[in-house]
């Protein structure tokens, strides 16, 4: 690597059919930020781009294996996500999801970059569904336990609320008058302490526990 040149992100493309695979390759190969690698190459920092028309059980199992057993960061490109599968996908550690109808080269690159950083990147309509779903679960849990669980400091809640609104690190720092380093430290601290996989998982946790 030339000194001062950012490292390229290794990306493996996983698709159930050759046409989808070749389309994703064509979209991403023009971007210098990524390096396309063979599936299963085991390169550190690899982001797996998984294309699936629907989330059937084999696809969910593959996602679970990628993110949990292999520790790979994943981007999911799909046409449909059922309500029953949405929270499960987030808790597997899939922080970036792209609708197939929106899967341009720029949109795929944006999702890959977000996944590589550990950020969340969900379509706005999907984030709304996630909030509604977790809100229902949280209300049910609160009625049984009598209150929300503890575990997040006020500063962490402030940061996560802005993450849930789609803000990036710089925007959150400006909004809260923090440095970007402080925002990153807050996110790293809470995700490590609570064993959360990425920003989307942290938002899901905060929603479920009634913080936001």
N, C-alpha and C. Protein backbone atom coordinates (compact mmCIF):
# COMPACT_ATOMS: atom_id res chain seq x y z
N UNK A 1 0.84 -1.20 0.00
CA UNK A 1 0.00 0.00 0.00
C UNK A 1 0.87 1.24 0.00
N UNK A 2 0.59 2.23 -0.85
CA UNK A 2 1.33 3.46 -0.91
C UNK A 2 1.03 4.28 0.34
N UNK A 3 2.09 4.86 0.92
CA UNK A 3 1.90 5.63 2.15
C UNK A 3 0.89 6.74 1.92
N UNK A 4 -0.08 6.84 2.81
CA UNK A 4 -1.09 7.87 2.71
C UNK A 4 -2.31 7.47 1.91
N UNK A 5 -2.28 6.32 1.26
CA UNK A 5 -3.43 5.85 0.50
C UNK A 5 -4.31 4.98 1.39
N UNK A 6 -5.59 5.28 1.51
CA UNK A 6 -6.46 4.47 2.38
C UNK A 6 -6.51 3.02 1.92
N UNK A 7 -6.57 2.11 2.90
CA UNK A 7 -6.68 0.70 2.56
C UNK A 7 -8.03 0.43 1.90
N UNK A 8 -8.02 -0.42 0.90
CA UNK A 8 -9.27 -0.78 0.23
C UNK A 8 -10.00 -1.81 1.08
N UNK A 9 -11.32 -1.79 1.03
CA UNK A 9 -12.14 -2.70 1.83
C UNK A 9 -12.36 -3.98 1.04
N UNK A 10 -11.96 -5.14 1.58
CA UNK A 10 -12.24 -6.40 0.88
C UNK A 10 -13.74 -6.69 0.92
N UNK A 11 -14.33 -6.98 -0.23
CA UNK A 11 -15.76 -7.26 -0.31
C UNK A 11 -15.96 -8.58 -1.04
N UNK A 12 -16.68 -9.50 -0.40
CA UNK A 12 -17.06 -10.74 -1.06
C UNK A 12 -18.55 -10.67 -1.39
N UNK A 13 -18.89 -11.09 -2.59
CA UNK A 13 -20.28 -11.02 -3.05
C UNK A 13 -20.89 -12.41 -3.04
N UNK A 14 -21.99 -12.56 -2.32
CA UNK A 14 -22.66 -13.84 -2.18
C UNK A 14 -24.06 -13.70 -2.75
N UNK A 15 -24.36 -14.50 -3.76
CA UNK A 15 -25.67 -14.40 -4.40
C UNK A 15 -26.14 -15.80 -4.78
N UNK A 16 -27.47 -15.96 -4.81
CA UNK A 16 -28.05 -17.26 -5.12
C UNK A 16 -28.07 -17.56 -6.61
N UNK A 17 -27.85 -16.53 -7.43
CA UNK A 17 -27.87 -16.76 -8.88
C UNK A 17 -26.76 -15.96 -9.54
N UNK A 18 -26.21 -16.45 -10.67
CA UNK A 18 -25.09 -15.78 -11.34
C UNK A 18 -25.42 -14.37 -11.82
N UNK A 19 -26.65 -14.13 -12.24
CA UNK A 19 -27.02 -12.82 -12.75
C UNK A 19 -26.90 -11.75 -11.67
N UNK A 20 -27.42 -12.05 -10.48
CA UNK A 20 -27.31 -11.11 -9.37
C UNK A 20 -25.85 -10.88 -8.99
N UNK A 21 -25.08 -11.97 -8.95
CA UNK A 21 -23.66 -11.87 -8.61
C UNK A 21 -22.93 -10.97 -9.60
N UNK A 22 -23.13 -11.21 -10.88
CA UNK A 22 -22.42 -10.44 -11.90
C UNK A 22 -22.86 -8.98 -11.89
N UNK A 23 -24.14 -8.73 -11.60
CA UNK A 23 -24.61 -7.36 -11.52
C UNK A 23 -23.95 -6.59 -10.40
N UNK A 24 -23.81 -7.22 -9.23
CA UNK A 24 -23.18 -6.56 -8.09
C UNK A 24 -21.69 -6.33 -8.37
N UNK A 25 -21.05 -7.30 -9.00
CA UNK A 25 -19.64 -7.14 -9.36
C UNK A 25 -19.47 -5.95 -10.29
N UNK A 26 -20.34 -5.85 -11.29
CA UNK A 26 -20.27 -4.75 -12.25
C UNK A 26 -20.47 -3.40 -11.57
N UNK A 27 -21.36 -3.35 -10.57
CA UNK A 27 -21.64 -2.10 -9.88
C UNK A 27 -20.49 -1.66 -8.99
N UNK A 28 -19.81 -2.62 -8.33
CA UNK A 28 -18.80 -2.26 -7.34
C UNK A 28 -17.38 -2.19 -7.88
N UNK A 29 -17.09 -2.88 -8.97
CA UNK A 29 -15.70 -2.96 -9.41
C UNK A 29 -15.16 -1.59 -9.87
N UNK A 30 -16.06 -0.66 -10.16
CA UNK A 30 -15.63 0.66 -10.63
C UNK A 30 -15.23 1.58 -9.48
N UNK A 31 -15.46 1.15 -8.24
CA UNK A 31 -15.16 2.00 -7.08
C UNK A 31 -13.83 1.61 -6.47
N UNK A 32 -12.92 2.57 -6.41
CA UNK A 32 -11.56 2.28 -5.93
C UNK A 32 -11.50 2.00 -4.43
N UNK A 33 -12.58 2.34 -3.70
CA UNK A 33 -12.57 2.13 -2.25
C UNK A 33 -12.66 0.66 -1.86
N UNK A 34 -13.11 -0.20 -2.78
CA UNK A 34 -13.31 -1.60 -2.45
C UNK A 34 -12.43 -2.49 -3.32
N UNK A 35 -12.14 -3.66 -2.78
CA UNK A 35 -11.42 -4.70 -3.51
C UNK A 35 -12.26 -5.97 -3.48
N UNK A 36 -12.73 -6.43 -4.62
CA UNK A 36 -13.54 -7.63 -4.67
C UNK A 36 -12.66 -8.85 -4.45
N UNK A 37 -13.07 -9.72 -3.52
CA UNK A 37 -12.30 -10.91 -3.19
C UNK A 37 -13.20 -12.14 -3.31
N UNK A 38 -12.57 -13.29 -3.41
CA UNK A 38 -13.32 -14.53 -3.50
C UNK A 38 -14.03 -14.82 -2.18
N UNK A 39 -15.21 -15.41 -2.26
CA UNK A 39 -15.96 -15.79 -1.05
C UNK A 39 -15.14 -16.78 -0.24
N UNK A 40 -15.09 -16.55 1.06
CA UNK A 40 -14.37 -17.46 1.95
C UNK A 40 -12.87 -17.24 1.96
N UNK A 41 -12.40 -16.11 1.40
CA UNK A 41 -10.96 -15.87 1.35
C UNK A 41 -10.37 -15.61 2.73
N UNK A 42 -11.22 -15.18 3.66
CA UNK A 42 -10.75 -14.98 5.03
C UNK A 42 -9.91 -13.75 5.24
N UNK A 43 -10.05 -12.75 4.39
CA UNK A 43 -9.29 -11.52 4.54
C UNK A 43 -9.80 -10.73 5.74
N UNK A 44 -8.92 -10.20 6.59
CA UNK A 44 -9.36 -9.37 7.72
C UNK A 44 -10.13 -8.15 7.23
N UNK A 45 -11.21 -7.83 7.94
CA UNK A 45 -11.99 -6.65 7.59
C UNK A 45 -12.92 -6.83 6.41
N UNK A 46 -13.14 -8.09 6.00
CA UNK A 46 -14.00 -8.34 4.85
C UNK A 46 -15.46 -7.98 5.15
N UNK A 47 -16.10 -7.37 4.17
CA UNK A 47 -17.54 -7.11 4.21
C UNK A 47 -18.20 -8.05 3.21
N UNK A 48 -19.18 -8.82 3.67
CA UNK A 48 -19.92 -9.72 2.79
C UNK A 48 -21.17 -9.02 2.28
N UNK A 49 -21.32 -8.97 0.97
CA UNK A 49 -22.52 -8.42 0.35
C UNK A 49 -23.40 -9.59 -0.06
N UNK A 50 -24.48 -9.79 0.69
CA UNK A 50 -25.34 -10.94 0.48
C UNK A 50 -26.61 -10.51 -0.23
N UNK A 51 -26.83 -11.04 -1.43
CA UNK A 51 -28.02 -10.72 -2.22
C UNK A 51 -29.01 -11.86 -2.12
N UNK A 52 -30.23 -11.53 -1.68
CA UNK A 52 -31.26 -12.56 -1.51
C UNK A 52 -32.62 -11.96 -1.86
N UNK A 53 -33.37 -12.64 -2.71
CA UNK A 53 -34.69 -12.14 -3.09
C UNK A 53 -35.61 -12.07 -1.87
N UNK A 54 -35.62 -13.14 -1.09
CA UNK A 54 -36.38 -13.18 0.16
C UNK A 54 -35.51 -13.86 1.21
N UNK A 55 -35.87 -13.66 2.47
CA UNK A 55 -35.09 -14.24 3.56
C UNK A 55 -35.70 -15.58 3.97
N UNK A 56 -35.26 -16.64 3.31
CA UNK A 56 -35.71 -17.97 3.71
C UNK A 56 -34.76 -18.50 4.78
N UNK A 57 -35.03 -19.67 5.30
CA UNK A 57 -34.24 -20.21 6.40
C UNK A 57 -32.78 -20.44 6.02
N UNK A 58 -32.46 -20.97 4.82
CA UNK A 58 -31.05 -21.11 4.45
C UNK A 58 -30.32 -19.77 4.41
N UNK A 59 -30.98 -18.72 3.95
CA UNK A 59 -30.35 -17.41 3.89
C UNK A 59 -30.11 -16.86 5.29
N UNK A 60 -31.08 -17.01 6.18
CA UNK A 60 -30.91 -16.56 7.56
C UNK A 60 -29.78 -17.33 8.25
N UNK A 61 -29.70 -18.63 7.98
CA UNK A 61 -28.63 -19.43 8.56
C UNK A 61 -27.27 -18.97 8.05
N UNK A 62 -27.22 -18.63 6.77
CA UNK A 62 -25.97 -18.15 6.19
C UNK A 62 -25.56 -16.82 6.82
N UNK A 63 -26.51 -15.92 7.02
CA UNK A 63 -26.22 -14.65 7.68
C UNK A 63 -25.70 -14.87 9.09
N UNK A 64 -26.36 -15.76 9.81
CA UNK A 64 -25.96 -16.04 11.19
C UNK A 64 -24.54 -16.60 11.23
N UNK A 65 -24.22 -17.49 10.32
CA UNK A 65 -22.87 -18.08 10.28
C UNK A 65 -21.82 -17.02 9.93
N UNK A 66 -22.14 -16.18 8.96
CA UNK A 66 -21.20 -15.14 8.55
C UNK A 66 -20.86 -14.19 9.70
N UNK A 67 -21.89 -13.69 10.37
CA UNK A 67 -21.68 -12.65 11.36
C UNK A 67 -21.25 -13.18 12.72
N UNK A 68 -21.70 -14.36 13.08
CA UNK A 68 -21.39 -14.88 14.41
C UNK A 68 -20.21 -15.83 14.42
N UNK A 69 -20.21 -16.81 13.54
CA UNK A 69 -19.12 -17.79 13.53
C UNK A 69 -17.87 -17.22 12.87
N UNK A 70 -18.04 -16.49 11.77
CA UNK A 70 -16.89 -16.00 11.02
C UNK A 70 -16.53 -14.56 11.35
N UNK A 71 -17.41 -13.85 12.05
CA UNK A 71 -17.12 -12.48 12.44
C UNK A 71 -17.08 -11.49 11.29
N UNK A 72 -17.72 -11.82 10.19
CA UNK A 72 -17.73 -10.96 9.02
C UNK A 72 -18.81 -9.88 9.16
N UNK A 73 -18.52 -8.69 8.68
CA UNK A 73 -19.53 -7.64 8.62
C UNK A 73 -20.35 -7.86 7.35
N UNK A 74 -21.64 -7.64 7.43
CA UNK A 74 -22.50 -8.01 6.32
C UNK A 74 -23.40 -6.87 5.87
N UNK A 75 -23.62 -6.83 4.55
CA UNK A 75 -24.62 -5.97 3.94
C UNK A 75 -25.65 -6.88 3.29
N UNK A 76 -26.91 -6.67 3.59
CA UNK A 76 -27.97 -7.47 3.02
C UNK A 76 -28.69 -6.68 1.93
N UNK A 77 -28.79 -7.27 0.75
CA UNK A 77 -29.54 -6.68 -0.35
C UNK A 77 -30.71 -7.61 -0.63
N UNK A 78 -31.92 -7.11 -0.46
CA UNK A 78 -33.08 -7.98 -0.57
C UNK A 78 -34.29 -7.22 -1.10
N UNK A 79 -35.29 -7.97 -1.52
CA UNK A 79 -36.54 -7.38 -2.01
C UNK A 79 -37.56 -7.24 -0.90
N UNK A 80 -37.54 -8.16 0.05
CA UNK A 80 -38.59 -8.22 1.07
C UNK A 80 -38.03 -8.74 2.38
N UNK A 81 -38.42 -8.10 3.47
CA UNK A 81 -38.10 -8.59 4.81
C UNK A 81 -39.39 -8.69 5.60
N UNK A 82 -39.71 -9.88 6.05
CA UNK A 82 -40.92 -10.06 6.86
C UNK A 82 -40.71 -9.48 8.25
N UNK A 83 -41.80 -9.04 8.87
CA UNK A 83 -41.71 -8.47 10.21
C UNK A 83 -41.04 -9.44 11.18
N UNK A 84 -41.34 -10.71 11.03
CA UNK A 84 -40.79 -11.71 11.96
C UNK A 84 -39.28 -11.86 11.83
N UNK A 85 -38.72 -11.49 10.67
CA UNK A 85 -37.29 -11.67 10.43
C UNK A 85 -36.47 -10.40 10.69
N UNK A 86 -37.12 -9.25 10.73
CA UNK A 86 -36.41 -7.98 10.75
C UNK A 86 -35.52 -7.84 11.98
N UNK A 87 -36.08 -8.01 13.16
CA UNK A 87 -35.29 -7.85 14.38
C UNK A 87 -34.20 -8.92 14.45
N UNK A 88 -34.52 -10.12 13.99
CA UNK A 88 -33.53 -11.20 14.00
C UNK A 88 -32.31 -10.84 13.15
N UNK A 89 -32.55 -10.26 11.98
CA UNK A 89 -31.46 -9.85 11.10
C UNK A 89 -30.58 -8.80 11.77
N UNK A 90 -31.21 -7.83 12.41
CA UNK A 90 -30.45 -6.79 13.11
C UNK A 90 -29.62 -7.38 14.23
N UNK A 91 -30.20 -8.29 14.98
CA UNK A 91 -29.48 -8.88 16.12
C UNK A 91 -28.38 -9.84 15.67
N UNK A 92 -28.44 -10.32 14.45
CA UNK A 92 -27.31 -11.08 13.91
C UNK A 92 -26.10 -10.17 13.69
N UNK A 93 -26.33 -8.87 13.63
CA UNK A 93 -25.23 -7.95 13.39
C UNK A 93 -25.23 -7.34 12.01
N UNK A 94 -26.31 -7.52 11.26
CA UNK A 94 -26.41 -6.92 9.93
C UNK A 94 -26.85 -5.47 10.11
N UNK A 95 -25.91 -4.55 9.95
CA UNK A 95 -26.22 -3.15 10.19
C UNK A 95 -26.58 -2.37 8.95
N UNK A 96 -26.34 -2.95 7.77
CA UNK A 96 -26.61 -2.24 6.52
C UNK A 96 -27.52 -3.10 5.64
N UNK A 97 -28.64 -2.53 5.25
CA UNK A 97 -29.61 -3.22 4.41
C UNK A 97 -29.97 -2.32 3.23
N UNK A 98 -30.03 -2.89 2.05
CA UNK A 98 -30.35 -2.14 0.83
C UNK A 98 -31.48 -2.86 0.11
N UNK A 99 -32.52 -2.11 -0.28
CA UNK A 99 -33.56 -2.70 -1.13
C UNK A 99 -32.99 -2.94 -2.52
N UNK A 100 -33.33 -4.06 -3.12
CA UNK A 100 -32.81 -4.38 -4.45
C UNK A 100 -33.16 -3.32 -5.48
N UNK A 101 -34.34 -2.74 -5.35
CA UNK A 101 -34.76 -1.72 -6.32
C UNK A 101 -33.90 -0.45 -6.23
N UNK A 102 -33.15 -0.29 -5.13
CA UNK A 102 -32.33 0.89 -4.93
C UNK A 102 -30.83 0.58 -5.02
N UNK A 103 -30.50 -0.64 -5.44
CA UNK A 103 -29.11 -1.12 -5.37
C UNK A 103 -28.25 -0.63 -6.53
N UNK A 104 -28.06 0.69 -6.61
CA UNK A 104 -27.12 1.26 -7.55
C UNK A 104 -25.70 1.07 -7.02
N UNK A 105 -24.72 1.33 -7.87
CA UNK A 105 -23.34 1.21 -7.42
C UNK A 105 -23.04 2.14 -6.26
N UNK A 106 -23.54 3.39 -6.33
CA UNK A 106 -23.29 4.34 -5.25
C UNK A 106 -23.96 3.89 -3.95
N UNK A 107 -25.18 3.37 -4.05
CA UNK A 107 -25.90 2.94 -2.84
C UNK A 107 -25.22 1.73 -2.21
N UNK A 108 -24.75 0.80 -3.03
CA UNK A 108 -24.03 -0.37 -2.50
C UNK A 108 -22.73 0.06 -1.83
N UNK A 109 -22.01 0.98 -2.45
CA UNK A 109 -20.76 1.47 -1.86
C UNK A 109 -21.04 2.13 -0.52
N UNK A 110 -22.08 2.94 -0.45
CA UNK A 110 -22.44 3.60 0.82
C UNK A 110 -22.69 2.57 1.91
N UNK A 111 -23.40 1.50 1.59
CA UNK A 111 -23.70 0.46 2.57
C UNK A 111 -22.44 -0.30 2.99
N UNK A 112 -21.57 -0.59 2.04
CA UNK A 112 -20.32 -1.29 2.35
C UNK A 112 -19.44 -0.45 3.28
N UNK A 113 -19.34 0.84 2.97
CA UNK A 113 -18.53 1.73 3.81
C UNK A 113 -19.10 1.80 5.23
N UNK A 114 -20.43 1.89 5.34
CA UNK A 114 -21.07 1.95 6.66
C UNK A 114 -20.82 0.66 7.44
N UNK A 115 -20.98 -0.48 6.78
CA UNK A 115 -20.77 -1.77 7.44
C UNK A 115 -19.32 -1.90 7.89
N UNK A 116 -18.39 -1.46 7.05
CA UNK A 116 -16.98 -1.55 7.40
C UNK A 116 -16.65 -0.74 8.64
N UNK A 117 -17.30 0.42 8.79
CA UNK A 117 -17.08 1.27 9.96
C UNK A 117 -17.83 0.78 11.19
N UNK A 118 -18.76 -0.15 11.00
CA UNK A 118 -19.62 -0.57 12.11
C UNK A 118 -20.82 0.33 12.30
N UNK A 119 -21.10 1.18 11.31
CA UNK A 119 -22.26 2.07 11.38
C UNK A 119 -23.51 1.35 10.90
N UNK A 120 -24.66 1.95 11.17
CA UNK A 120 -25.91 1.43 10.66
C UNK A 120 -26.30 2.15 9.38
N UNK A 121 -26.93 1.44 8.47
CA UNK A 121 -27.41 2.05 7.22
C UNK A 121 -28.67 1.30 6.80
N UNK A 122 -29.81 1.78 7.29
CA UNK A 122 -31.08 1.13 6.99
C UNK A 122 -31.95 2.08 6.17
N UNK A 123 -32.73 1.56 5.21
CA UNK A 123 -33.70 2.40 4.52
C UNK A 123 -34.67 3.03 5.53
N UNK A 124 -35.10 4.26 5.27
CA UNK A 124 -35.93 4.97 6.23
C UNK A 124 -37.23 4.23 6.53
N UNK A 125 -37.83 3.60 5.52
CA UNK A 125 -39.08 2.88 5.77
C UNK A 125 -38.84 1.65 6.63
N UNK A 126 -37.67 1.05 6.49
CA UNK A 126 -37.34 -0.13 7.29
C UNK A 126 -37.05 0.27 8.73
N UNK A 127 -36.40 1.42 8.92
CA UNK A 127 -36.14 1.90 10.27
C UNK A 127 -37.45 2.18 11.00
N UNK A 128 -38.43 2.73 10.27
CA UNK A 128 -39.74 2.96 10.87
C UNK A 128 -40.40 1.68 11.32
N UNK A 129 -40.30 0.64 10.49
CA UNK A 129 -40.86 -0.67 10.86
C UNK A 129 -40.16 -1.23 12.08
N UNK A 130 -38.82 -1.06 12.12
CA UNK A 130 -38.05 -1.57 13.26
C UNK A 130 -38.48 -0.88 14.55
N UNK A 131 -38.63 0.44 14.49
CA UNK A 131 -39.04 1.19 15.67
C UNK A 131 -40.42 0.74 16.15
N UNK A 132 -41.34 0.55 15.20
CA UNK A 132 -42.69 0.12 15.56
C UNK A 132 -42.68 -1.28 16.17
N UNK A 133 -41.88 -2.17 15.58
CA UNK A 133 -41.83 -3.55 16.06
C UNK A 133 -41.25 -3.62 17.47
N UNK A 134 -40.13 -2.93 17.68
CA UNK A 134 -39.48 -2.98 18.98
C UNK A 134 -40.31 -2.25 20.02
N UNK A 135 -41.01 -1.19 19.60
CA UNK A 135 -41.89 -0.50 20.53
C UNK A 135 -42.97 -1.42 21.07
N UNK A 136 -43.51 -2.27 20.21
CA UNK A 136 -44.51 -3.25 20.64
C UNK A 136 -43.92 -4.24 21.63
N UNK A 137 -42.72 -4.73 21.32
CA UNK A 137 -42.06 -5.67 22.23
C UNK A 137 -41.75 -5.01 23.57
N UNK A 138 -41.28 -3.74 23.51
CA UNK A 138 -40.91 -3.05 24.74
C UNK A 138 -42.12 -2.82 25.63
N UNK A 139 -43.26 -2.44 25.03
CA UNK A 139 -44.47 -2.22 25.84
C UNK A 139 -44.91 -3.51 26.51
N UNK A 140 -44.77 -4.63 25.80
CA UNK A 140 -45.14 -5.91 26.39
C UNK A 140 -44.22 -6.28 27.53
N UNK A 141 -42.92 -6.03 27.34
CA UNK A 141 -41.95 -6.36 28.39
C UNK A 141 -42.15 -5.48 29.61
N UNK A 142 -42.44 -4.18 29.38
CA UNK A 142 -42.65 -3.26 30.49
C UNK A 142 -43.87 -3.65 31.32
N UNK A 143 -44.92 -4.09 30.64
CA UNK A 143 -46.12 -4.47 31.37
C UNK A 143 -45.89 -5.68 32.25
N UNK A 144 -44.92 -6.53 31.85
CA UNK A 144 -44.61 -7.72 32.64
C UNK A 144 -43.64 -7.42 33.77
N UNK A 145 -42.64 -6.55 33.49
CA UNK A 145 -41.58 -6.33 34.47
C UNK A 145 -41.82 -5.10 35.33
N UNK A 146 -42.71 -4.21 34.87
CA UNK A 146 -42.99 -3.01 35.64
C UNK A 146 -42.07 -1.85 35.32
N UNK A 147 -41.20 -1.98 34.35
CA UNK A 147 -40.31 -0.87 34.01
C UNK A 147 -39.24 -1.32 33.05
N UNK A 148 -38.51 -0.33 32.50
CA UNK A 148 -37.44 -0.63 31.55
C UNK A 148 -36.17 -1.00 32.28
N UNK A 149 -35.34 -1.80 31.62
CA UNK A 149 -34.06 -2.20 32.21
C UNK A 149 -33.11 -1.02 32.24
N UNK A 150 -32.16 -1.07 33.18
CA UNK A 150 -31.14 -0.04 33.24
C UNK A 150 -29.93 -0.49 32.45
N UNK A 151 -29.03 0.44 32.16
CA UNK A 151 -27.84 0.04 31.44
C UNK A 151 -27.25 1.10 30.56
N UNK A 152 -27.99 2.18 30.24
CA UNK A 152 -27.48 3.24 29.39
C UNK A 152 -27.41 4.55 30.16
N UNK A 153 -26.27 5.23 30.03
CA UNK A 153 -26.11 6.54 30.64
C UNK A 153 -26.82 7.58 29.78
N UNK A 154 -27.19 8.74 30.37
CA UNK A 154 -27.88 9.77 29.60
C UNK A 154 -27.13 10.18 28.33
N UNK A 155 -25.81 10.28 28.41
CA UNK A 155 -25.04 10.66 27.23
C UNK A 155 -25.15 9.61 26.13
N UNK A 156 -25.17 8.35 26.53
CA UNK A 156 -25.32 7.27 25.55
C UNK A 156 -26.69 7.32 24.89
N UNK A 157 -27.70 7.63 25.68
CA UNK A 157 -29.06 7.74 25.13
C UNK A 157 -29.13 8.88 24.12
N UNK A 158 -28.50 10.02 24.45
CA UNK A 158 -28.50 11.17 23.54
C UNK A 158 -27.87 10.79 22.21
N UNK A 159 -26.74 10.09 22.26
CA UNK A 159 -26.05 9.69 21.03
C UNK A 159 -26.90 8.71 20.24
N UNK A 160 -27.46 7.71 20.90
CA UNK A 160 -28.26 6.71 20.20
C UNK A 160 -29.53 7.29 19.59
N UNK A 161 -30.11 8.26 20.25
CA UNK A 161 -31.32 8.89 19.69
C UNK A 161 -30.99 9.55 18.35
N UNK A 162 -29.82 10.16 18.24
CA UNK A 162 -29.43 10.80 16.99
C UNK A 162 -28.99 9.77 15.96
N UNK A 163 -28.40 8.68 16.40
CA UNK A 163 -28.09 7.58 15.48
C UNK A 163 -29.38 7.06 14.86
N UNK A 164 -30.41 6.91 15.69
CA UNK A 164 -31.70 6.41 15.21
C UNK A 164 -32.33 7.35 14.19
N UNK A 165 -31.96 8.65 14.26
CA UNK A 165 -32.47 9.62 13.29
C UNK A 165 -31.66 9.64 12.00
N UNK A 166 -30.63 8.78 11.93
CA UNK A 166 -29.86 8.66 10.70
C UNK A 166 -28.63 9.54 10.62
N UNK A 167 -28.25 10.18 11.72
CA UNK A 167 -27.08 11.07 11.70
C UNK A 167 -25.79 10.26 11.74
N UNK A 168 -24.74 10.80 11.08
CA UNK A 168 -23.44 10.16 11.15
C UNK A 168 -22.65 10.75 12.31
N UNK A 169 -21.42 10.28 12.49
CA UNK A 169 -20.62 10.69 13.65
C UNK A 169 -20.40 12.20 13.69
N UNK A 170 -20.06 12.80 12.56
CA UNK A 170 -19.81 14.24 12.52
C UNK A 170 -21.05 15.05 12.86
N UNK A 171 -22.20 14.63 12.34
CA UNK A 171 -23.44 15.34 12.61
C UNK A 171 -23.83 15.23 14.09
N UNK A 172 -23.61 14.05 14.67
CA UNK A 172 -23.92 13.87 16.10
C UNK A 172 -23.01 14.75 16.95
N UNK A 173 -21.73 14.79 16.59
CA UNK A 173 -20.77 15.61 17.33
C UNK A 173 -21.19 17.08 17.30
N UNK A 174 -21.58 17.57 16.12
CA UNK A 174 -22.01 18.97 16.01
C UNK A 174 -23.28 19.23 16.82
N UNK A 175 -24.21 18.31 16.76
CA UNK A 175 -25.49 18.48 17.45
C UNK A 175 -25.32 18.54 18.97
N UNK A 176 -24.42 17.70 19.49
CA UNK A 176 -24.24 17.59 20.94
C UNK A 176 -23.05 18.40 21.46
N UNK A 177 -22.36 19.09 20.55
CA UNK A 177 -21.15 19.86 20.91
C UNK A 177 -20.08 18.96 21.52
N UNK A 178 -19.94 17.76 20.96
CA UNK A 178 -18.88 16.84 21.32
C UNK A 178 -17.85 16.81 20.20
N UNK A 179 -16.69 16.25 20.50
CA UNK A 179 -15.75 15.93 19.42
C UNK A 179 -16.19 14.61 18.78
N UNK A 180 -15.76 14.39 17.53
CA UNK A 180 -16.08 13.11 16.89
C UNK A 180 -15.46 11.96 17.68
N UNK A 181 -14.29 12.18 18.25
CA UNK A 181 -13.65 11.14 19.06
C UNK A 181 -14.52 10.75 20.25
N UNK A 182 -15.14 11.74 20.88
CA UNK A 182 -16.02 11.46 22.02
C UNK A 182 -17.20 10.61 21.60
N UNK A 183 -17.81 10.98 20.46
CA UNK A 183 -18.96 10.20 19.97
C UNK A 183 -18.53 8.75 19.70
N UNK A 184 -17.38 8.58 19.05
CA UNK A 184 -16.90 7.23 18.77
C UNK A 184 -16.63 6.46 20.06
N UNK A 185 -16.07 7.15 21.05
CA UNK A 185 -15.79 6.49 22.34
C UNK A 185 -17.08 6.08 23.05
N UNK A 186 -18.09 6.94 22.97
CA UNK A 186 -19.38 6.61 23.58
C UNK A 186 -19.96 5.35 22.93
N UNK A 187 -19.95 5.33 21.59
CA UNK A 187 -20.50 4.17 20.88
C UNK A 187 -19.69 2.91 21.15
N UNK A 188 -18.37 3.05 21.15
CA UNK A 188 -17.53 1.88 21.41
C UNK A 188 -17.76 1.36 22.82
N UNK A 189 -17.87 2.27 23.78
CA UNK A 189 -18.06 1.86 25.17
C UNK A 189 -19.35 1.11 25.39
N UNK A 190 -20.44 1.62 24.83
CA UNK A 190 -21.73 0.96 25.08
C UNK A 190 -21.86 -0.34 24.29
N UNK A 191 -21.34 -0.37 23.06
CA UNK A 191 -21.45 -1.62 22.29
C UNK A 191 -20.59 -2.71 22.90
N UNK A 192 -19.41 -2.33 23.44
CA UNK A 192 -18.54 -3.32 24.08
C UNK A 192 -19.15 -3.81 25.38
N UNK A 193 -19.62 -2.87 26.20
CA UNK A 193 -20.17 -3.22 27.52
C UNK A 193 -21.40 -4.11 27.41
N UNK A 194 -22.25 -3.81 26.44
CA UNK A 194 -23.52 -4.54 26.30
C UNK A 194 -23.45 -5.65 25.25
N UNK A 195 -22.25 -5.85 24.68
CA UNK A 195 -22.02 -6.91 23.69
C UNK A 195 -22.97 -6.76 22.49
N UNK A 196 -23.03 -5.53 22.00
CA UNK A 196 -23.84 -5.22 20.82
C UNK A 196 -22.91 -5.20 19.60
N UNK A 197 -23.44 -5.58 18.44
CA UNK A 197 -22.58 -5.82 17.28
C UNK A 197 -22.25 -4.56 16.49
N UNK A 198 -23.15 -3.59 16.45
CA UNK A 198 -22.91 -2.39 15.67
C UNK A 198 -23.95 -1.34 16.06
N UNK A 199 -23.97 -0.24 15.33
CA UNK A 199 -24.89 0.85 15.68
C UNK A 199 -26.35 0.44 15.57
N UNK A 200 -26.67 -0.29 14.54
CA UNK A 200 -28.08 -0.70 14.37
C UNK A 200 -28.53 -1.59 15.52
N UNK A 201 -27.64 -2.49 15.94
CA UNK A 201 -27.97 -3.36 17.07
C UNK A 201 -28.12 -2.53 18.34
N UNK A 202 -27.27 -1.50 18.51
CA UNK A 202 -27.37 -0.64 19.68
C UNK A 202 -28.68 0.14 19.68
N UNK A 203 -29.10 0.63 18.51
CA UNK A 203 -30.38 1.33 18.42
C UNK A 203 -31.52 0.37 18.76
N UNK A 204 -31.44 -0.86 18.23
CA UNK A 204 -32.47 -1.85 18.53
C UNK A 204 -32.55 -2.11 20.03
N UNK A 205 -31.40 -2.21 20.68
CA UNK A 205 -31.37 -2.42 22.14
C UNK A 205 -32.04 -1.25 22.86
N UNK A 206 -31.65 -0.02 22.47
CA UNK A 206 -32.20 1.16 23.14
C UNK A 206 -33.71 1.26 22.96
N UNK A 207 -34.18 0.92 21.77
CA UNK A 207 -35.62 0.94 21.51
C UNK A 207 -36.34 -0.13 22.34
N UNK A 208 -35.77 -1.31 22.34
CA UNK A 208 -36.40 -2.42 23.06
C UNK A 208 -36.50 -2.14 24.55
N UNK A 209 -35.46 -1.49 25.09
CA UNK A 209 -35.45 -1.22 26.54
C UNK A 209 -36.18 0.06 26.91
N UNK A 210 -36.71 0.77 25.91
CA UNK A 210 -37.53 1.94 26.19
C UNK A 210 -36.77 3.24 26.40
N UNK A 211 -35.51 3.29 25.97
CA UNK A 211 -34.73 4.52 26.14
C UNK A 211 -35.08 5.57 25.08
N UNK A 212 -35.41 5.11 23.87
CA UNK A 212 -35.71 6.05 22.80
C UNK A 212 -36.99 5.60 22.09
